[in-house]
Amino acid sequence: MKILLIFFTFSLISGAVRCVSVTGYSGGSLLVDSQKTWFSNSAKYMAKLPEWRTIINYKKHDKWINEGRFTLFKNNEGKLMIYIRELNQHDAGRYWIRVVGQQYIDMTLKVEEDSCCKVSKRVMVNIGETATFSCEYSQNHINDPKIIFKEGKDSIETIYSTWNKKQRFRVSDDKQKNIFNVTISAVTPDDGGVYLCGVWIKGQSYSYSIIKTVHLHIMIKVGVSRATGHSGGRMMIKCEHPQHKIKPKYMCKESDGCSERKNPGVQDEWMENGDVSLYDDTRAGVLMVFFRELKAADAGTYRCGVNVSHYTESFTELQLDVRDGEM
């Protein structure tokens, strides 16, 4: 009789339990809207079953709790969101999320393999121009609505959806290729950051999004300079950044897509990097680049830049001409 009473009591309490079943893809991320209230004053707990491995251990915050690849946060509607990054097969299984004194969420996660979400993208665009990037999705979700989020400080904002379309953002869906293309016109430094693009799936009393990560970097060109050297000779180039003296500086060859960035690695000390030596002078705000032996292949357009912030860079365009013979 006691057992029956206990079970009956639990069944009444379990009305506060929300059961959620979601599917993600290896390499991608998952964002779940539980449709449950956040309750800022209540501690949050998250564990993986059946071993009850603790992920978030009764932490309390106004809107954002992060542990490694797992985040619980409050969206603009005050609902509890579950965010899991860089999914792998070991993430598959059952999760128990508790909001102390309020509610429980019982979430089952299935992780599948698909080429859509394996690798994040890095996109660079000059300020004022149009940024363009594409987002692949699985054939299984060809008819699901497309959605774009942007990570902020302790927040994730919806940038584009069927019910929320911001100016300057446009989406075109190519269902034959399972890709939707995103354009952002007249980009500003504020547009830089981490974008999460994917598909939105509606459950019975919850929703979730399967997402891919795009890192958008905004480039600010502040000037153009020219230099001429001779094959076999030496050359010293100085890149001045007086407004960003202590920020890390670099040089890369723009005509090669800036695929290889040369930087000293340390500041206020000469360091070799391939066929050049570099010195990042934090007192003067100058990056000195010494070509020990110029070659014809060194000619081209370079970007002499500084990382103003994590997703904003300022640079001077350097056009280097290498001529035959000695001076």
C-alpha atoms as a PDB file:
ATOM      1  CA  MET A   1       0.000   0.000   0.000  1.00  0.00           C
ATOM      2  CA  LYS A   2       2.885   2.354   0.775  1.00  0.00           C
ATOM      3  CA  ILE A   3       4.418   1.556  -2.564  1.00  0.00           C
ATOM      4  CA  LEU A   4       1.195   2.359  -4.375  1.00  0.00           C
ATOM      5  CA  LEU A   5       0.848   5.619  -2.470  1.00  0.00           C
ATOM      6  CA  ILE A   6       4.385   6.664  -3.295  1.00  0.00           C
ATOM      7  CA  PHE A   7       3.869   5.865  -6.970  1.00  0.00           C
ATOM      8  CA  PHE A   8       0.610   7.773  -7.026  1.00  0.00           C
ATOM      9  CA  THR A   9       2.237  10.793  -5.408  1.00  0.00           C
ATOM     10  CA  PHE A  10       5.103  10.726  -7.946  1.00  0.00           C
ATOM     11  CA  SER A  11       2.649  10.514 -10.814  1.00  0.00           C
ATOM     12  CA  LEU A  12       1.064  13.748  -9.627  1.00  0.00           C
ATOM     13  CA  ILE A  13       4.457  15.442  -9.329  1.00  0.00           C
ATOM     14  CA  SER A  14       5.480  14.115 -12.719  1.00  0.00           C
ATOM     15  CA  GLY A  15       2.940  16.437 -14.292  1.00  0.00           C
ATOM     16  CA  ALA A  16       5.802  18.954 -14.045  1.00  0.00           C
ATOM     17  CA  VAL A  17       8.024  16.663 -16.151  1.00  0.00           C
ATOM     18  CA  ARG A  18       8.403  17.524 -19.844  1.00  0.00           C
ATOM     19  CA  CYS A  19       9.519  14.695 -22.111  1.00  0.00           C
ATOM     20  CA  VAL A  20      11.594  15.835 -25.084  1.00  0.00           C
ATOM     21  CA  SER A  21      12.923  13.724 -27.953  1.00  0.00           C
ATOM     22  CA  VAL A  22      15.424  15.356 -30.330  1.00  0.00           C
ATOM     23  CA  THR A  23      17.837  14.397 -33.124  1.00  0.00           C
ATOM     24  CA  GLY A  24      21.189  16.016 -33.932  1.00  0.00           C
ATOM     25  CA  TYR A  25      24.089  15.327 -36.268  1.00  0.00           C
ATOM     26  CA  SER A  26      27.677  14.503 -35.403  1.00  0.00           C
ATOM     27  CA  GLY A  27      29.847  17.622 -35.622  1.00  0.00           C
ATOM     28  CA  GLY A  28      26.858  19.967 -35.473  1.00  0.00           C
ATOM     29  CA  SER A  29      25.066  21.562 -32.550  1.00  0.00           C
ATOM     30  CA  LEU A  30      21.602  21.407 -31.059  1.00  0.00           C
ATOM     31  CA  LEU A  31      19.411  24.140 -29.583  1.00  0.00           C
ATOM     32  CA  VAL A  32      16.281  23.069 -27.712  1.00  0.00           C
ATOM     33  CA  ASP A  33      13.462  25.386 -26.608  1.00  0.00           C
ATOM     34  CA  SER A  34      11.880  23.513 -23.693  1.00  0.00           C
ATOM     35  CA  GLN A  35       8.961  25.978 -23.505  1.00  0.00           C
ATOM     36  CA  LYS A  36       9.478  25.816 -19.722  1.00  0.00           C
ATOM     37  CA  THR A  37      10.011  28.972 -17.647  1.00  0.00           C
ATOM     38  CA  TRP A  38      13.627  29.778 -16.658  1.00  0.00           C
ATOM     39  CA  PHE A  39      13.042  30.815 -12.990  1.00  0.00           C
ATOM     40  CA  SER A  40      16.153  32.936 -12.294  1.00  0.00           C
ATOM     41  CA  ASN A  41      16.110  32.241  -8.546  1.00  0.00           C
ATOM     42  CA  SER A  42      16.057  28.457  -8.981  1.00  0.00           C
ATOM     43  CA  ALA A  43      19.267  26.413  -9.304  1.00  0.00           C
ATOM     44  CA  LYS A  44      19.661  24.266 -12.429  1.00  0.00           C
ATOM     45  CA  TYR A  45      20.902  20.674 -12.607  1.00  0.00           C
ATOM     46  CA  MET A  46      21.741  18.586 -15.681  1.00  0.00           C
ATOM     47  CA  ALA A  47      22.895  14.963 -15.789  1.00  0.00           C
ATOM     48  CA  LYS A  48      23.291  12.206 -18.369  1.00  0.00           C
ATOM     49  CA  LEU A  49      21.562   8.884 -17.735  1.00  0.00           C
ATOM     50  CA  PRO A  50      21.738   6.065 -16.932  1.00  0.00           C
ATOM     51  CA  GLU A  51      25.017   6.671 -15.076  1.00  0.00           C
ATOM     52  CA  TRP A  52      23.768  10.017 -13.697  1.00  0.00           C
ATOM     53  CA  ARG A  53      26.920  11.784 -14.834  1.00  0.00           C
ATOM     54  CA  THR A  54      26.600  15.364 -13.590  1.00  0.00           C
ATOM     55  CA  ILE A  55      27.050  18.044 -16.278  1.00  0.00           C
ATOM     56  CA  ILE A  56      25.669  21.119 -14.476  1.00  0.00           C
ATOM     57  CA  ASN A  57      25.613  20.804 -10.707  1.00  0.00           C
ATOM     58  CA  TYR A  58      22.894  22.970  -9.147  1.00  0.00           C
ATOM     59  CA  LYS A  59      24.096  26.316 -10.472  1.00  0.00           C
ATOM     60  CA  LYS A  60      22.099  29.530 -10.315  1.00  0.00           C
ATOM     61  CA  HIS A  61      22.300  32.502 -12.707  1.00  0.00           C
ATOM     62  CA  ASP A  62      19.992  35.177 -14.065  1.00  0.00           C
ATOM     63  CA  LYS A  63      20.187  33.904 -17.634  1.00  0.00           C
ATOM     64  CA  TRP A  64      23.235  31.778 -18.582  1.00  0.00           C
ATOM     65  CA  ILE A  65      24.909  28.639 -17.176  1.00  0.00           C
ATOM     66  CA  ASN A  66      27.724  27.038 -19.167  1.00  0.00           C
ATOM     67  CA  GLU A  67      29.797  23.883 -18.614  1.00  0.00           C
ATOM     68  CA  GLY A  68      32.061  22.916 -21.517  1.00  0.00           C
ATOM     69  CA  ARG A  69      29.897  22.140 -24.557  1.00  0.00           C
ATOM     70  CA  PHE A  70      26.656  22.301 -22.551  1.00  0.00           C
ATOM     71  CA  THR A  71      24.696  25.484 -21.825  1.00  0.00           C
ATOM     72  CA  LEU A  72      21.366  26.266 -20.179  1.00  0.00           C
ATOM     73  CA  PHE A  73      20.116  29.809 -20.770  1.00  0.00           C
ATOM     74  CA  LYS A  74      17.060  32.050 -20.788  1.00  0.00           C
ATOM     75  CA  ASN A  75      15.766  33.281 -24.134  1.00  0.00           C
ATOM     76  CA  ASN A  76      14.001  36.598 -24.776  1.00  0.00           C
ATOM     77  CA  GLU A  77      10.668  35.037 -23.877  1.00  0.00           C
ATOM     78  CA  GLY A  78      11.979  33.872 -20.494  1.00  0.00           C
ATOM     79  CA  LYS A  79      12.013  30.191 -21.472  1.00  0.00           C
ATOM     80  CA  LEU A  80      14.698  27.640 -20.607  1.00  0.00           C
ATOM     81  CA  MET A  81      16.905  26.737 -23.571  1.00  0.00           C
ATOM     82  CA  ILE A  82      19.294  23.766 -23.866  1.00  0.00           C
ATOM     83  CA  TYR A  83      22.351  24.223 -26.089  1.00  0.00           C
ATOM     84  CA  ILE A  84      24.816  21.399 -26.892  1.00  0.00           C
ATOM     85  CA  ARG A  85      27.795  22.153 -29.168  1.00  0.00           C
ATOM     86  CA  GLU A  86      29.890  19.894 -31.404  1.00  0.00           C
ATOM     87  CA  LEU A  87      27.821  16.753 -30.996  1.00  0.00           C
ATOM     88  CA  ASN A  88      29.395  13.309 -31.100  1.00  0.00           C
ATOM     89  CA  GLN A  89      28.063   9.778 -30.805  1.00  0.00           C
ATOM     90  CA  HIS A  90      28.883   9.670 -27.089  1.00  0.00           C
ATOM     91  CA  ASP A  91      26.360  12.471 -26.516  1.00  0.00           C
ATOM     92  CA  ALA A  92      23.478  10.246 -27.598  1.00  0.00           C
ATOM     93  CA  GLY A  93      21.236   9.082 -24.776  1.00  0.00           C
ATOM     94  CA  ARG A  94      18.948  10.402 -22.077  1.00  0.00           C
ATOM     95  CA  TYR A  95      19.349  13.641 -20.081  1.00  0.00           C
ATOM     96  CA  TRP A  96      17.656  14.832 -16.908  1.00  0.00           C
ATOM     97  CA  ILE A  97      17.378  18.611 -16.429  1.00  0.00           C
ATOM     98  CA  ARG A  98      16.008  19.917 -13.163  1.00  0.00           C
ATOM     99  CA  VAL A  99      14.889  23.415 -12.178  1.00  0.00           C
ATOM    100  CA  VAL A 100      14.894  23.144  -8.390  1.00  0.00           C
ATOM    101  CA  GLY A 101      11.467  23.512  -6.837  1.00  0.00           C
ATOM    102  CA  GLN A 102       9.781  23.985 -10.190  1.00  0.00           C
ATOM    103  CA  GLN A 103      10.058  21.367 -12.940  1.00  0.00           C
ATOM    104  CA  TYR A 104      11.959  18.573 -14.684  1.00  0.00           C
ATOM    105  CA  ILE A 105      12.861  17.912 -18.316  1.00  0.00           C
ATOM    106  CA  ASP A 106      13.478  14.365 -19.529  1.00  0.00           C
ATOM    107  CA  MET A 107      15.330  14.671 -22.852  1.00  0.00           C
ATOM    108  CA  THR A 108      16.312  11.838 -25.186  1.00  0.00           C
ATOM    109  CA  LEU A 109      18.973  12.726 -27.745  1.00  0.00           C
ATOM    110  CA  LYS A 110      19.716  10.754 -30.902  1.00  0.00           C
ATOM    111  CA  VAL A 111      22.929  11.576 -32.790  1.00  0.00           C
ATOM    112  CA  GLU A 112      23.139  10.633 -36.488  1.00  0.00           C
ATOM    113  CA  GLU A 113      25.926  10.872 -39.064  1.00  0.00           C
ATOM    114  CA  ASP A 114      25.576  13.325 -41.961  1.00  0.00           C
ATOM    115  CA  SER A 115      28.059  15.429 -43.914  1.00  0.00           C
ATOM    116  CA  CYS A 116      25.911  18.537 -43.388  1.00  0.00           C
ATOM    117  CA  CYS A 117      27.323  19.569 -40.045  1.00  0.00           C
ATOM    118  CA  LYS A 118      30.860  18.216 -39.818  1.00  0.00           C
ATOM    119  CA  VAL A 119      32.930  21.399 -40.135  1.00  0.00           C
ATOM    120  CA  SER A 120      32.328  24.972 -38.971  1.00  0.00           C
ATOM    121  CA  LYS A 121      32.985  27.813 -41.428  1.00  0.00           C
ATOM    122  CA  ARG A 122      35.128  30.951 -41.214  1.00  0.00           C
ATOM    123  CA  VAL A 123      33.996  33.880 -43.364  1.00  0.00           C
ATOM    124  CA  MET A 124      35.824  37.200 -43.758  1.00  0.00           C
ATOM    125  CA  VAL A 125      34.254  40.340 -45.246  1.00  0.00           C
ATOM    126  CA  ASN A 126      35.247  44.003 -45.474  1.00  0.00           C
ATOM    127  CA  ILE A 127      33.171  46.520 -43.553  1.00  0.00           C
ATOM    128  CA  GLY A 128      30.330  47.988 -45.633  1.00  0.00           C
ATOM    129  CA  GLU A 129      30.306  45.074 -48.076  1.00  0.00           C
ATOM    130  CA  THR A 130      27.909  42.125 -48.286  1.00  0.00           C
ATOM    131  CA  ALA A 131      28.688  38.961 -46.347  1.00  0.00           C
ATOM    132  CA  THR A 132      27.659  35.681 -47.940  1.00  0.00           C
ATOM    133  CA  PHE A 133      27.775  32.181 -46.490  1.00  0.00           C
ATOM    134  CA  SER A 134      25.966  28.910 -47.043  1.00  0.00           C
ATOM    135  CA  CYS A 135      24.462  26.443 -44.579  1.00  0.00           C
ATOM    136  CA  GLU A 136      24.073  22.774 -45.450  1.00  0.00           C
ATOM    137  CA  TYR A 137      21.294  20.662 -43.976  1.00  0.00           C
ATOM    138  CA  SER A 138      20.315  17.004 -44.073  1.00  0.00           C
ATOM    139  CA  GLN A 139      17.994  15.691 -46.775  1.00  0.00           C
ATOM    140  CA  ASN A 140      15.737  14.624 -43.878  1.00  0.00           C
ATOM    141  CA  HIS A 141      14.891  18.282 -43.205  1.00  0.00           C
ATOM    142  CA  ILE A 142      14.413  19.651 -46.689  1.00  0.00           C
ATOM    143  CA  ASN A 143      10.924  20.992 -45.903  1.00  0.00           C
ATOM    144  CA  ASP A 144      11.621  22.239 -42.364  1.00  0.00           C
ATOM    145  CA  PRO A 145      11.785  26.028 -41.832  1.00  0.00           C
ATOM    146  CA  LYS A 146      15.262  27.524 -41.923  1.00  0.00           C
ATOM    147  CA  ILE A 147      16.527  29.571 -38.994  1.00  0.00           C
ATOM    148  CA  ILE A 148      19.589  31.647 -38.020  1.00  0.00           C
ATOM    149  CA  PHE A 149      20.793  32.566 -34.536  1.00  0.00           C
ATOM    150  CA  LYS A 150      23.698  34.680 -33.345  1.00  0.00           C
ATOM    151  CA  GLU A 151      25.687  34.103 -30.183  1.00  0.00           C
ATOM    152  CA  GLY A 152      26.098  37.094 -27.898  1.00  0.00           C
ATOM    153  CA  LYS A 153      27.421  37.590 -24.403  1.00  0.00           C
ATOM    154  CA  ASP A 154      25.314  35.260 -22.277  1.00  0.00           C
ATOM    155  CA  SER A 155      22.644  35.122 -24.975  1.00  0.00           C
ATOM    156  CA  ILE A 156      21.628  33.616 -28.307  1.00  0.00           C
ATOM    157  CA  GLU A 157      19.429  35.826 -30.466  1.00  0.00           C
ATOM    158  CA  THR A 158      17.165  34.774 -33.325  1.00  0.00           C
ATOM    159  CA  ILE A 159      18.358  36.672 -36.411  1.00  0.00           C
ATOM    160  CA  TYR A 160      16.169  35.117 -39.077  1.00  0.00           C
ATOM    161  CA  SER A 161      13.130  32.843 -39.057  1.00  0.00           C
ATOM    162  CA  THR A 162       9.776  32.595 -40.788  1.00  0.00           C
ATOM    163  CA  TRP A 163       8.293  34.697 -37.966  1.00  0.00           C
ATOM    164  CA  ASN A 164      11.231  37.071 -37.362  1.00  0.00           C
ATOM    165  CA  LYS A 165      13.040  38.541 -40.356  1.00  0.00           C
ATOM    166  CA  LYS A 166      15.598  41.273 -39.703  1.00  0.00           C
ATOM    167  CA  GLN A 167      16.562  43.923 -42.201  1.00  0.00           C
ATOM    168  CA  ARG A 168      19.795  43.353 -44.179  1.00  0.00           C
ATOM    169  CA  PHE A 169      19.476  39.557 -43.752  1.00  0.00           C
ATOM    170  CA  ARG A 170      18.234  37.478 -46.688  1.00  0.00           C
ATOM    171  CA  VAL A 171      17.935  33.725 -47.103  1.00  0.00           C
ATOM    172  CA  SER A 172      17.494  31.699 -50.300  1.00  0.00           C
ATOM    173  CA  ASP A 173      16.876  27.965 -50.009  1.00  0.00           C
ATOM    174  CA  ASP A 174      18.255  25.600 -52.671  1.00  0.00           C
ATOM    175  CA  LYS A 175      16.390  22.368 -51.899  1.00  0.00           C
ATOM    176  CA  GLN A 176      18.056  20.474 -54.724  1.00  0.00           C
ATOM    177  CA  LYS A 177      21.464  20.949 -53.059  1.00  0.00           C
ATOM    178  CA  ASN A 178      20.205  20.930 -49.444  1.00  0.00           C
ATOM    179  CA  ILE A 179      21.789  24.351 -48.890  1.00  0.00           C
ATOM    180  CA  PHE A 180      20.408  27.721 -47.943  1.00  0.00           C
ATOM    181  CA  ASN A 181      22.437  30.834 -48.698  1.00  0.00           C
ATOM    182  CA  VAL A 182      22.618  33.778 -46.310  1.00  0.00           C
ATOM    183  CA  THR A 183      23.498  37.363 -47.244  1.00  0.00           C
ATOM    184  CA  ILE A 184      24.046  40.261 -44.859  1.00  0.00           C
ATOM    185  CA  SER A 185      24.220  43.632 -46.611  1.00  0.00           C
ATOM    186  CA  ALA A 186      26.293  46.650 -45.502  1.00  0.00           C
ATOM    187  CA  VAL A 187      28.036  44.813 -42.662  1.00  0.00           C
ATOM    188  CA  THR A 188      29.220  46.699 -39.585  1.00  0.00           C
ATOM    189  CA  PRO A 189      31.638  45.654 -36.809  1.00  0.00           C
ATOM    190  CA  ASP A 190      28.608  44.620 -34.737  1.00  0.00           C
ATOM    191  CA  ASP A 191      27.780  41.959 -37.348  1.00  0.00           C
ATOM    192  CA  GLY A 192      30.940  40.015 -36.528  1.00  0.00           C
ATOM    193  CA  GLY A 193      30.563  36.926 -34.369  1.00  0.00           C
ATOM    194  CA  VAL A 194      29.281  33.372 -34.249  1.00  0.00           C
ATOM    195  CA  TYR A 195      26.208  32.508 -36.313  1.00  0.00           C
ATOM    196  CA  LEU A 196      24.195  29.315 -35.865  1.00  0.00           C
ATOM    197  CA  CYS A 197      22.264  28.379 -38.980  1.00  0.00           C
ATOM    198  CA  GLY A 198      20.054  25.357 -39.476  1.00  0.00           C
ATOM    199  CA  VAL A 199      16.525  23.993 -39.462  1.00  0.00           C
ATOM    200  CA  TRP A 200      13.694  24.433 -36.952  1.00  0.00           C
ATOM    201  CA  ILE A 201      11.647  21.421 -35.861  1.00  0.00           C
ATOM    202  CA  LYS A 202       8.408  21.707 -33.891  1.00  0.00           C
ATOM    203  CA  GLY A 203       7.565  19.092 -31.273  1.00  0.00           C
ATOM    204  CA  GLN A 204       4.308  18.589 -29.392  1.00  0.00           C
ATOM    205  CA  SER A 205       5.159  21.006 -26.570  1.00  0.00           C
ATOM    206  CA  TYR A 206       8.701  22.081 -27.447  1.00  0.00           C
ATOM    207  CA  SER A 207      10.879  22.907 -30.459  1.00  0.00           C
ATOM    208  CA  TYR A 208      14.492  22.431 -31.406  1.00  0.00           C
ATOM    209  CA  SER A 209      16.985  23.449 -34.078  1.00  0.00           C
ATOM    210  CA  ILE A 210      19.764  21.452 -35.750  1.00  0.00           C
ATOM    211  CA  ILE A 211      22.513  23.955 -36.384  1.00  0.00           C
ATOM    212  CA  LYS A 212      25.870  24.522 -38.054  1.00  0.00           C
ATOM    213  CA  THR A 213      28.383  27.147 -36.882  1.00  0.00           C
ATOM    214  CA  VAL A 214      29.680  30.043 -39.002  1.00  0.00           C
ATOM    215  CA  HIS A 215      32.338  32.458 -37.692  1.00  0.00           C
ATOM    216  CA  LEU A 216      31.983  35.866 -39.374  1.00  0.00           C
ATOM    217  CA  HIS A 217      35.002  38.207 -39.197  1.00  0.00           C
ATOM    218  CA  ILE A 218      34.679  41.893 -40.143  1.00  0.00           C
ATOM    219  CA  MET A 219      37.719  43.495 -41.789  1.00  0.00           C
ATOM    220  CA  ILE A 220      38.328  47.265 -41.629  1.00  0.00           C
ATOM    221  CA  LYS A 221      40.801  48.611 -44.215  1.00  0.00           C
ATOM    222  CA  VAL A 222      42.416  51.798 -42.894  1.00  0.00           C
ATOM    223  CA  GLY A 223      44.914  52.497 -45.643  1.00  0.00           C
ATOM    224  CA  VAL A 224      47.039  51.377 -48.593  1.00  0.00           C
ATOM    225  CA  SER A 225      50.842  51.447 -48.828  1.00  0.00           C
ATOM    226  CA  ARG A 226      53.415  50.331 -51.394  1.00  0.00           C
ATOM    227  CA  ALA A 227      56.926  48.947 -51.109  1.00  0.00           C
ATOM    228  CA  THR A 228      59.537  47.897 -53.664  1.00  0.00           C
ATOM    229  CA  GLY A 229      62.444  45.503 -53.135  1.00  0.00           C
ATOM    230  CA  HIS A 230      64.878  43.479 -55.204  1.00  0.00           C
ATOM    231  CA  SER A 231      65.194  39.729 -55.606  1.00  0.00           C
ATOM    232  CA  GLY A 232      67.885  38.361 -53.286  1.00  0.00           C
ATOM    233  CA  GLY A 233      67.912  41.508 -51.161  1.00  0.00           C
ATOM    234  CA  ARG A 234      66.557  42.276 -47.718  1.00  0.00           C
ATOM    235  CA  MET A 235      63.623  44.435 -46.717  1.00  0.00           C
ATOM    236  CA  MET A 236      62.137  45.820 -43.500  1.00  0.00           C
ATOM    237  CA  ILE A 237      58.430  46.705 -43.476  1.00  0.00           C
ATOM    238  CA  LYS A 238      56.764  48.613 -40.632  1.00  0.00           C
ATOM    239  CA  CYS A 239      53.020  48.383 -40.072  1.00  0.00           C
ATOM    240  CA  GLU A 240      51.754  51.091 -37.730  1.00  0.00           C
ATOM    241  CA  HIS A 241      48.747  50.572 -35.458  1.00  0.00           C
ATOM    242  CA  PRO A 242      49.074  53.373 -32.853  1.00  0.00           C
ATOM    243  CA  GLN A 243      45.466  52.996 -31.677  1.00  0.00           C
ATOM    244  CA  HIS A 244      45.945  49.280 -30.891  1.00  0.00           C
ATOM    245  CA  LYS A 245      49.417  49.150 -29.373  1.00  0.00           C
ATOM    246  CA  ILE A 246      48.971  46.055 -27.219  1.00  0.00           C
ATOM    247  CA  LYS A 247      46.665  44.137 -29.568  1.00  0.00           C
ATOM    248  CA  PRO A 248      48.236  41.138 -31.380  1.00  0.00           C
ATOM    249  CA  LYS A 249      49.342  41.940 -34.922  1.00  0.00           C
ATOM    250  CA  TYR A 250      49.941  39.846 -38.037  1.00  0.00           C
ATOM    251  CA  MET A 251      50.811  39.868 -41.723  1.00  0.00           C
ATOM    252  CA  CYS A 252      49.313  37.652 -44.418  1.00  0.00           C
ATOM    253  CA  LYS A 253      49.329  37.517 -48.198  1.00  0.00           C
ATOM    254  CA  GLU A 254      45.912  38.598 -49.408  1.00  0.00           C
ATOM    255  CA  SER A 255      46.504  37.365 -52.952  1.00  0.00           C
ATOM    256  CA  ASP A 256      46.798  33.864 -51.413  1.00  0.00           C
ATOM    257  CA  GLY A 257      43.546  34.275 -49.492  1.00  0.00           C
ATOM    258  CA  CYS A 258      45.395  35.089 -46.247  1.00  0.00           C
ATOM    259  CA  SER A 259      45.473  31.351 -45.598  1.00  0.00           C
ATOM    260  CA  GLU A 260      48.763  31.651 -43.701  1.00  0.00           C
ATOM    261  CA  ARG A 261      49.049  34.377 -41.083  1.00  0.00           C
ATOM    262  CA  LYS A 262      52.501  35.290 -39.888  1.00  0.00           C
ATOM    263  CA  ASN A 263      52.801  36.694 -36.375  1.00  0.00           C
ATOM    264  CA  PRO A 264      55.556  36.708 -33.762  1.00  0.00           C
ATOM    265  CA  GLY A 265      53.595  34.599 -31.290  1.00  0.00           C
ATOM    266  CA  VAL A 266      55.048  36.780 -28.520  1.00  0.00           C
ATOM    267  CA  GLN A 267      55.277  40.560 -28.173  1.00  0.00           C
ATOM    268  CA  ASP A 268      58.313  42.842 -27.809  1.00  0.00           C
ATOM    269  CA  GLU A 269      60.690  40.162 -29.056  1.00  0.00           C
ATOM    270  CA  TRP A 270      62.071  39.212 -32.471  1.00  0.00           C
ATOM    271  CA  MET A 271      60.731  35.851 -33.659  1.00  0.00           C
ATOM    272  CA  GLU A 272      61.265  33.911 -36.881  1.00  0.00           C
ATOM    273  CA  ASN A 273      58.258  32.685 -38.824  1.00  0.00           C
ATOM    274  CA  GLY A 274      59.189  30.882 -42.013  1.00  0.00           C
ATOM    275  CA  ASP A 275      61.260  33.119 -44.269  1.00  0.00           C
ATOM    276  CA  VAL A 276      60.581  36.316 -42.286  1.00  0.00           C
ATOM    277  CA  SER A 277      61.328  37.684 -38.819  1.00  0.00           C
ATOM    278  CA  LEU A 278      58.697  39.683 -36.924  1.00  0.00           C
ATOM    279  CA  TYR A 279      58.679  42.065 -33.974  1.00  0.00           C
ATOM    280  CA  ASP A 280      55.426  43.270 -32.346  1.00  0.00           C
ATOM    281  CA  ASP A 281      56.388  46.530 -30.620  1.00  0.00           C
ATOM    282  CA  THR A 282      53.675  47.261 -28.036  1.00  0.00           C
ATOM    283  CA  ARG A 283      55.213  50.596 -26.987  1.00  0.00           C
ATOM    284  CA  ALA A 284      55.042  52.092 -30.471  1.00  0.00           C
ATOM    285  CA  GLY A 285      52.113  50.064 -31.790  1.00  0.00           C
ATOM    286  CA  VAL A 286      54.186  48.824 -34.729  1.00  0.00           C
ATOM    287  CA  LEU A 287      54.657  45.428 -36.341  1.00  0.00           C
ATOM    288  CA  MET A 288      58.075  45.121 -37.987  1.00  0.00           C
ATOM    289  CA  VAL A 289      58.456  42.454 -40.677  1.00  0.00           C
ATOM    290  CA  PHE A 290      61.957  41.625 -41.936  1.00  0.00           C
ATOM    291  CA  PHE A 291      62.305  39.716 -45.219  1.00  0.00           C
ATOM    292  CA  ARG A 292      65.725  38.059 -44.941  1.00  0.00           C
ATOM    293  CA  GLU A 293      65.960  37.232 -48.657  1.00  0.00           C
ATOM    294  CA  LEU A 294      63.335  38.503 -51.063  1.00  0.00           C
ATOM    295  CA  LYS A 295      62.088  36.214 -53.826  1.00  0.00           C
ATOM    296  CA  ALA A 296      59.973  36.920 -56.870  1.00  0.00           C
ATOM    297  CA  ALA A 297      57.219  34.814 -55.259  1.00  0.00           C
ATOM    298  CA  ASP A 298      57.083  37.304 -52.366  1.00  0.00           C
ATOM    299  CA  ALA A 299      55.543  39.940 -54.631  1.00  0.00           C
ATOM    300  CA  GLY A 300      51.843  40.525 -54.174  1.00  0.00           C
ATOM    301  CA  THR A 301      49.229  42.164 -51.971  1.00  0.00           C
ATOM    302  CA  TYR A 302      49.551  41.753 -48.224  1.00  0.00           C
ATOM    303  CA  ARG A 303      47.324  42.498 -45.296  1.00  0.00           C
ATOM    304  CA  CYS A 304      49.131  44.043 -42.341  1.00  0.00           C
ATOM    305  CA  GLY A 305      46.574  43.777 -39.577  1.00  0.00           C
ATOM    306  CA  VAL A 306      45.676  43.831 -35.912  1.00  0.00           C
ATOM    307  CA  ASN A 307      43.006  41.892 -34.020  1.00  0.00           C
ATOM    308  CA  VAL A 308      40.849  44.681 -32.612  1.00  0.00           C
ATOM    309  CA  SER A 309      38.462  42.163 -31.085  1.00  0.00           C
ATOM    310  CA  HIS A 310      37.782  38.469 -31.497  1.00  0.00           C
ATOM    311  CA  TYR A 311      35.750  39.042 -34.677  1.00  0.00           C
ATOM    312  CA  THR A 312      36.952  42.467 -35.863  1.00  0.00           C
ATOM    313  CA  GLU A 313      40.287  43.222 -37.523  1.00  0.00           C
ATOM    314  CA  SER A 314      41.841  46.458 -38.754  1.00  0.00           C
ATOM    315  CA  PHE A 315      44.441  46.319 -41.532  1.00  0.00           C
ATOM    316  CA  THR A 316      46.539  48.260 -44.002  1.00  0.00           C
ATOM    317  CA  GLU A 317      46.803  46.889 -47.528  1.00  0.00           C
ATOM    318  CA  LEU A 318      50.446  46.559 -48.599  1.00  0.00           C
ATOM    319  CA  GLN A 319      51.371  46.146 -52.252  1.00  0.00           C
ATOM    320  CA  LEU A 320      54.851  44.641 -52.489  1.00  0.00           C
ATOM    321  CA  ASP A 321      56.773  44.758 -55.784  1.00  0.00           C
ATOM    322  CA  VAL A 322      59.891  42.566 -56.135  1.00  0.00           C
ATOM    323  CA  ARG A 323      62.207  43.442 -59.012  1.00  0.00           C
ATOM    324  CA  ASP A 324      65.095  41.506 -60.513  1.00  0.00           C
ATOM    325  CA  GLY A 325      68.706  42.263 -59.576  1.00  0.00           C
ATOM    326  CA  GLU A 326      70.378  44.347 -56.923  1.00  0.00           C
ATOM    327  CA  MET A 327      69.651  47.985 -56.187  1.00  0.00           C
END
